[in-house]
Amino acid sequence: MAFTSTAVATNSSTATLVVQAINGQGGAPANLLIYNKDASITVYLGAADVDNAGVRGIPIPAGGTYSGNLYSNEKMYLMSASGTPSVIVQLNRV
């Protein structure tokens, strides 16, 4: 099992690649946890075309978290509603 944790700065003008899937043993998905450290800014999680209007992306509110699985070759991007908040990205390959 491999576990990584990274701080990532986001912005409101371009989507930021935050994680790309790395296969676990036997092609198992990687477990993903994203924590929005900011006290007031929402970030949006999605594909490369994520936007900060909530049209294409899942909102992670200030202080909120997202958890899910990543499969082979999947990439996740973030864009903030404003400013440059930081998030913590944790990836666990099983």
N, C-alpha and C. Protein backbone atom coordinates (compact mmCIF):
# COMPACT_ATOMS: atom_id res chain seq x y z
N MET A 1 0.85 -1.17 0.00
CA MET A 1 0.00 0.00 0.00
C MET A 1 0.89 1.23 0.00
N ALA A 2 0.60 2.19 -0.88
CA ALA A 2 1.35 3.45 -0.94
C ALA A 2 0.39 4.60 -0.68
N PHE A 3 0.82 5.52 0.15
CA PHE A 3 -0.01 6.65 0.56
C PHE A 3 0.77 7.92 0.32
N THR A 4 0.16 8.89 -0.38
CA THR A 4 0.81 10.18 -0.61
C THR A 4 -0.13 11.30 -0.19
N SER A 5 0.45 12.40 0.26
CA SER A 5 -0.31 13.58 0.64
C SER A 5 0.42 14.79 0.10
N THR A 6 -0.31 15.66 -0.61
CA THR A 6 0.30 16.81 -1.28
C THR A 6 -0.57 18.04 -1.10
N ALA A 7 0.05 19.20 -0.87
CA ALA A 7 -0.67 20.47 -0.86
C ALA A 7 -0.64 21.03 -2.28
N VAL A 8 -1.79 21.50 -2.76
CA VAL A 8 -1.90 22.01 -4.11
C VAL A 8 -2.58 23.38 -4.07
N ALA A 9 -1.98 24.36 -4.73
CA ALA A 9 -2.60 25.69 -4.85
C ALA A 9 -3.48 25.72 -6.09
N THR A 10 -4.68 26.23 -5.95
CA THR A 10 -5.60 26.34 -7.08
C THR A 10 -5.77 27.81 -7.44
N ASN A 11 -6.46 28.07 -8.53
CA ASN A 11 -6.74 29.46 -8.92
C ASN A 11 -8.09 29.52 -9.62
N SER A 12 -8.54 30.73 -9.90
CA SER A 12 -9.88 30.91 -10.48
C SER A 12 -9.85 31.15 -11.98
N SER A 13 -8.67 31.06 -12.62
CA SER A 13 -8.62 31.34 -14.05
C SER A 13 -8.35 30.11 -14.91
N THR A 14 -7.67 29.09 -14.38
CA THR A 14 -7.40 27.88 -15.14
C THR A 14 -7.56 26.65 -14.25
N ALA A 15 -7.94 25.54 -14.87
CA ALA A 15 -8.05 24.28 -14.14
C ALA A 15 -6.64 23.79 -13.78
N THR A 16 -6.47 23.33 -12.55
CA THR A 16 -5.18 22.83 -12.06
C THR A 16 -5.27 21.32 -11.92
N LEU A 17 -4.36 20.61 -12.58
CA LEU A 17 -4.30 19.16 -12.43
C LEU A 17 -3.85 18.85 -11.00
N VAL A 18 -4.68 18.13 -10.26
CA VAL A 18 -4.33 17.84 -8.87
C VAL A 18 -3.90 16.41 -8.66
N VAL A 19 -4.36 15.51 -9.51
CA VAL A 19 -3.98 14.11 -9.32
C VAL A 19 -4.26 13.33 -10.60
N GLN A 20 -3.37 12.38 -10.87
CA GLN A 20 -3.58 11.44 -11.97
C GLN A 20 -3.51 10.05 -11.36
N ALA A 21 -4.42 9.19 -11.75
CA ALA A 21 -4.50 7.86 -11.15
C ALA A 21 -3.24 7.06 -11.42
N ILE A 22 -2.87 6.31 -10.40
CA ILE A 22 -1.78 5.34 -10.51
C ILE A 22 -2.38 4.03 -10.05
N ASN A 23 -2.31 3.02 -10.88
CA ASN A 23 -2.95 1.75 -10.54
C ASN A 23 -2.40 1.17 -9.25
N GLY A 24 -3.30 0.60 -8.49
CA GLY A 24 -2.91 -0.19 -7.33
C GLY A 24 -2.56 -1.60 -7.79
N GLN A 25 -2.37 -2.46 -6.86
CA GLN A 25 -2.04 -3.83 -7.21
C GLN A 25 -3.21 -4.48 -7.93
N GLY A 26 -2.93 -5.15 -9.04
CA GLY A 26 -3.97 -5.83 -9.79
C GLY A 26 -4.96 -4.89 -10.45
N GLY A 27 -4.58 -3.63 -10.68
CA GLY A 27 -5.48 -2.68 -11.34
C GLY A 27 -6.55 -2.12 -10.42
N ALA A 28 -6.38 -2.29 -9.10
CA ALA A 28 -7.37 -1.78 -8.15
C ALA A 28 -7.39 -0.25 -8.22
N PRO A 29 -8.53 0.37 -7.95
CA PRO A 29 -8.59 1.83 -7.95
C PRO A 29 -7.77 2.42 -6.80
N ALA A 30 -7.38 3.66 -6.97
CA ALA A 30 -6.72 4.40 -5.90
C ALA A 30 -7.79 5.19 -5.14
N ASN A 31 -7.69 5.21 -3.82
CA ASN A 31 -8.61 5.99 -2.99
C ASN A 31 -8.13 7.43 -2.94
N LEU A 32 -9.04 8.37 -3.16
CA LEU A 32 -8.71 9.79 -3.22
C LEU A 32 -9.47 10.55 -2.14
N LEU A 33 -8.78 11.46 -1.44
CA LEU A 33 -9.40 12.36 -0.49
C LEU A 33 -8.87 13.76 -0.77
N ILE A 34 -9.77 14.73 -0.94
CA ILE A 34 -9.38 16.12 -1.14
C ILE A 34 -10.01 16.95 -0.03
N TYR A 35 -9.20 17.74 0.65
CA TYR A 35 -9.65 18.61 1.73
C TYR A 35 -9.41 20.06 1.31
N ASN A 36 -10.46 20.85 1.28
CA ASN A 36 -10.37 22.27 0.97
C ASN A 36 -10.00 23.01 2.25
N LYS A 37 -8.75 23.46 2.38
CA LYS A 37 -8.25 24.11 3.59
C LYS A 37 -8.76 25.52 3.77
N ASP A 38 -9.28 26.13 2.71
CA ASP A 38 -9.65 27.54 2.80
C ASP A 38 -10.87 27.73 3.70
N ALA A 39 -10.91 28.88 4.38
CA ALA A 39 -11.99 29.18 5.31
C ALA A 39 -13.21 29.79 4.63
N SER A 40 -13.08 30.24 3.38
CA SER A 40 -14.23 30.92 2.77
C SER A 40 -14.44 30.67 1.28
N ILE A 41 -13.50 30.01 0.60
CA ILE A 41 -13.59 29.85 -0.86
C ILE A 41 -13.93 28.42 -1.25
N THR A 42 -14.93 28.26 -2.10
CA THR A 42 -15.30 26.96 -2.66
C THR A 42 -14.37 26.63 -3.81
N VAL A 43 -14.01 25.34 -3.94
CA VAL A 43 -13.27 24.86 -5.11
C VAL A 43 -14.15 23.86 -5.84
N TYR A 44 -13.90 23.69 -7.13
CA TYR A 44 -14.70 22.79 -7.97
C TYR A 44 -13.80 21.71 -8.54
N LEU A 45 -14.23 20.45 -8.41
CA LEU A 45 -13.48 19.28 -8.84
C LEU A 45 -14.12 18.69 -10.09
N GLY A 46 -13.30 18.35 -11.08
CA GLY A 46 -13.86 17.74 -12.27
C GLY A 46 -12.78 17.38 -13.28
N ALA A 47 -13.21 17.25 -14.52
CA ALA A 47 -12.30 16.93 -15.63
C ALA A 47 -11.57 18.21 -16.06
N ALA A 48 -10.81 18.13 -17.12
CA ALA A 48 -10.02 19.26 -17.59
C ALA A 48 -10.87 20.49 -17.91
N ASP A 49 -12.15 20.28 -18.19
CA ASP A 49 -13.03 21.40 -18.53
C ASP A 49 -13.83 21.92 -17.33
N VAL A 50 -13.39 21.59 -16.11
CA VAL A 50 -14.08 22.08 -14.91
C VAL A 50 -14.13 23.60 -14.93
N ASP A 51 -15.21 24.16 -14.42
CA ASP A 51 -15.32 25.63 -14.36
C ASP A 51 -15.60 26.06 -12.93
N ASN A 52 -15.57 27.36 -12.69
CA ASN A 52 -15.80 27.84 -11.33
C ASN A 52 -17.19 28.42 -11.15
N ALA A 53 -18.10 28.06 -12.06
CA ALA A 53 -19.49 28.47 -11.93
C ALA A 53 -20.35 27.31 -11.45
N GLY A 54 -19.74 26.14 -11.29
CA GLY A 54 -20.48 24.97 -10.84
C GLY A 54 -21.24 24.26 -11.94
N VAL A 55 -21.00 24.65 -13.20
CA VAL A 55 -21.67 24.00 -14.32
C VAL A 55 -21.01 22.66 -14.62
N ARG A 56 -19.67 22.63 -14.60
CA ARG A 56 -18.93 21.40 -14.88
C ARG A 56 -17.97 21.16 -13.71
N GLY A 57 -18.45 20.54 -12.69
CA GLY A 57 -17.62 20.23 -11.54
C GLY A 57 -18.42 20.05 -10.28
N ILE A 58 -17.81 19.37 -9.33
CA ILE A 58 -18.42 19.11 -8.04
C ILE A 58 -17.89 20.14 -7.05
N PRO A 59 -18.77 20.91 -6.40
CA PRO A 59 -18.27 21.89 -5.44
C PRO A 59 -17.75 21.23 -4.16
N ILE A 60 -16.60 21.70 -3.70
CA ILE A 60 -16.08 21.32 -2.39
C ILE A 60 -16.05 22.62 -1.59
N PRO A 61 -17.00 22.81 -0.69
CA PRO A 61 -17.09 24.07 0.03
C PRO A 61 -15.89 24.30 0.95
N ALA A 62 -15.72 25.53 1.38
CA ALA A 62 -14.66 25.87 2.31
C ALA A 62 -14.69 24.92 3.50
N GLY A 63 -13.55 24.33 3.82
CA GLY A 63 -13.46 23.39 4.94
C GLY A 63 -14.02 22.01 4.64
N GLY A 64 -14.51 21.81 3.41
CA GLY A 64 -15.14 20.54 3.05
C GLY A 64 -14.17 19.52 2.48
N THR A 65 -14.66 18.31 2.31
CA THR A 65 -13.85 17.23 1.74
C THR A 65 -14.60 16.52 0.63
N TYR A 66 -13.84 15.83 -0.20
CA TYR A 66 -14.38 14.95 -1.23
C TYR A 66 -13.60 13.65 -1.13
N SER A 67 -14.29 12.53 -1.22
CA SER A 67 -13.59 11.25 -1.28
C SER A 67 -14.21 10.41 -2.39
N GLY A 68 -13.36 9.64 -3.04
CA GLY A 68 -13.81 8.79 -4.13
C GLY A 68 -12.67 7.92 -4.60
N ASN A 69 -12.87 7.25 -5.71
CA ASN A 69 -11.87 6.38 -6.29
C ASN A 69 -11.40 6.92 -7.63
N LEU A 70 -10.15 6.66 -7.95
CA LEU A 70 -9.59 6.98 -9.27
C LEU A 70 -9.18 5.68 -9.92
N TYR A 71 -9.51 5.55 -11.18
CA TYR A 71 -9.14 4.35 -11.93
C TYR A 71 -8.04 4.70 -12.92
N SER A 72 -7.45 3.70 -13.53
CA SER A 72 -6.34 3.87 -14.44
C SER A 72 -6.55 5.02 -15.42
N ASN A 73 -5.57 5.89 -15.52
CA ASN A 73 -5.52 7.01 -16.46
C ASN A 73 -6.52 8.13 -16.18
N GLU A 74 -7.25 8.07 -15.09
CA GLU A 74 -8.14 9.18 -14.76
C GLU A 74 -7.33 10.34 -14.20
N LYS A 75 -7.77 11.56 -14.52
CA LYS A 75 -7.15 12.77 -14.00
C LYS A 75 -8.23 13.63 -13.37
N MET A 76 -7.90 14.31 -12.29
CA MET A 76 -8.84 15.21 -11.63
C MET A 76 -8.23 16.61 -11.59
N TYR A 77 -9.08 17.60 -11.84
CA TYR A 77 -8.67 18.99 -11.87
C TYR A 77 -9.50 19.79 -10.87
N LEU A 78 -8.95 20.90 -10.41
CA LEU A 78 -9.66 21.82 -9.52
C LEU A 78 -9.59 23.23 -10.07
N MET A 79 -10.64 23.99 -9.78
CA MET A 79 -10.65 25.43 -10.06
C MET A 79 -11.36 26.09 -8.89
N SER A 80 -10.85 27.21 -8.45
CA SER A 80 -11.47 27.89 -7.31
C SER A 80 -12.50 28.90 -7.77
N ALA A 81 -13.42 29.21 -6.88
CA ALA A 81 -14.44 30.23 -7.18
C ALA A 81 -13.80 31.61 -7.27
N SER A 82 -12.72 31.82 -6.50
CA SER A 82 -11.98 33.09 -6.52
C SER A 82 -10.66 32.86 -5.81
N GLY A 83 -9.75 33.78 -5.96
CA GLY A 83 -8.49 33.71 -5.23
C GLY A 83 -7.65 32.50 -5.55
N THR A 84 -6.77 32.14 -4.62
CA THR A 84 -5.85 31.02 -4.80
C THR A 84 -5.80 30.12 -3.56
N PRO A 85 -6.92 29.48 -3.23
CA PRO A 85 -6.93 28.62 -2.05
C PRO A 85 -6.09 27.36 -2.26
N SER A 86 -5.63 26.78 -1.18
CA SER A 86 -4.89 25.52 -1.23
C SER A 86 -5.77 24.38 -0.75
N VAL A 87 -5.51 23.22 -1.31
CA VAL A 87 -6.20 22.00 -0.89
C VAL A 87 -5.14 20.96 -0.54
N ILE A 88 -5.55 19.98 0.24
CA ILE A 88 -4.70 18.83 0.51
C ILE A 88 -5.27 17.65 -0.27
N VAL A 89 -4.40 16.98 -1.03
CA VAL A 89 -4.80 15.83 -1.82
C VAL A 89 -4.09 14.60 -1.25
N GLN A 90 -4.87 13.60 -0.87
CA GLN A 90 -4.31 12.35 -0.37
C GLN A 90 -4.74 11.22 -1.30
N LEU A 91 -3.78 10.41 -1.69
CA LEU A 91 -4.01 9.30 -2.60
C LEU A 91 -3.47 8.04 -1.96
N ASN A 92 -4.28 7.01 -1.93
CA ASN A 92 -3.91 5.74 -1.32
C ASN A 92 -4.08 4.65 -2.35
N ARG A 93 -2.98 4.04 -2.75
CA ARG A 93 -3.04 2.91 -3.67
C ARG A 93 -3.06 1.64 -2.87
N VAL A 94 -4.02 0.78 -3.17
CA VAL A 94 -4.11 -0.49 -2.43
C VAL A 94 -3.48 -1.61 -3.20
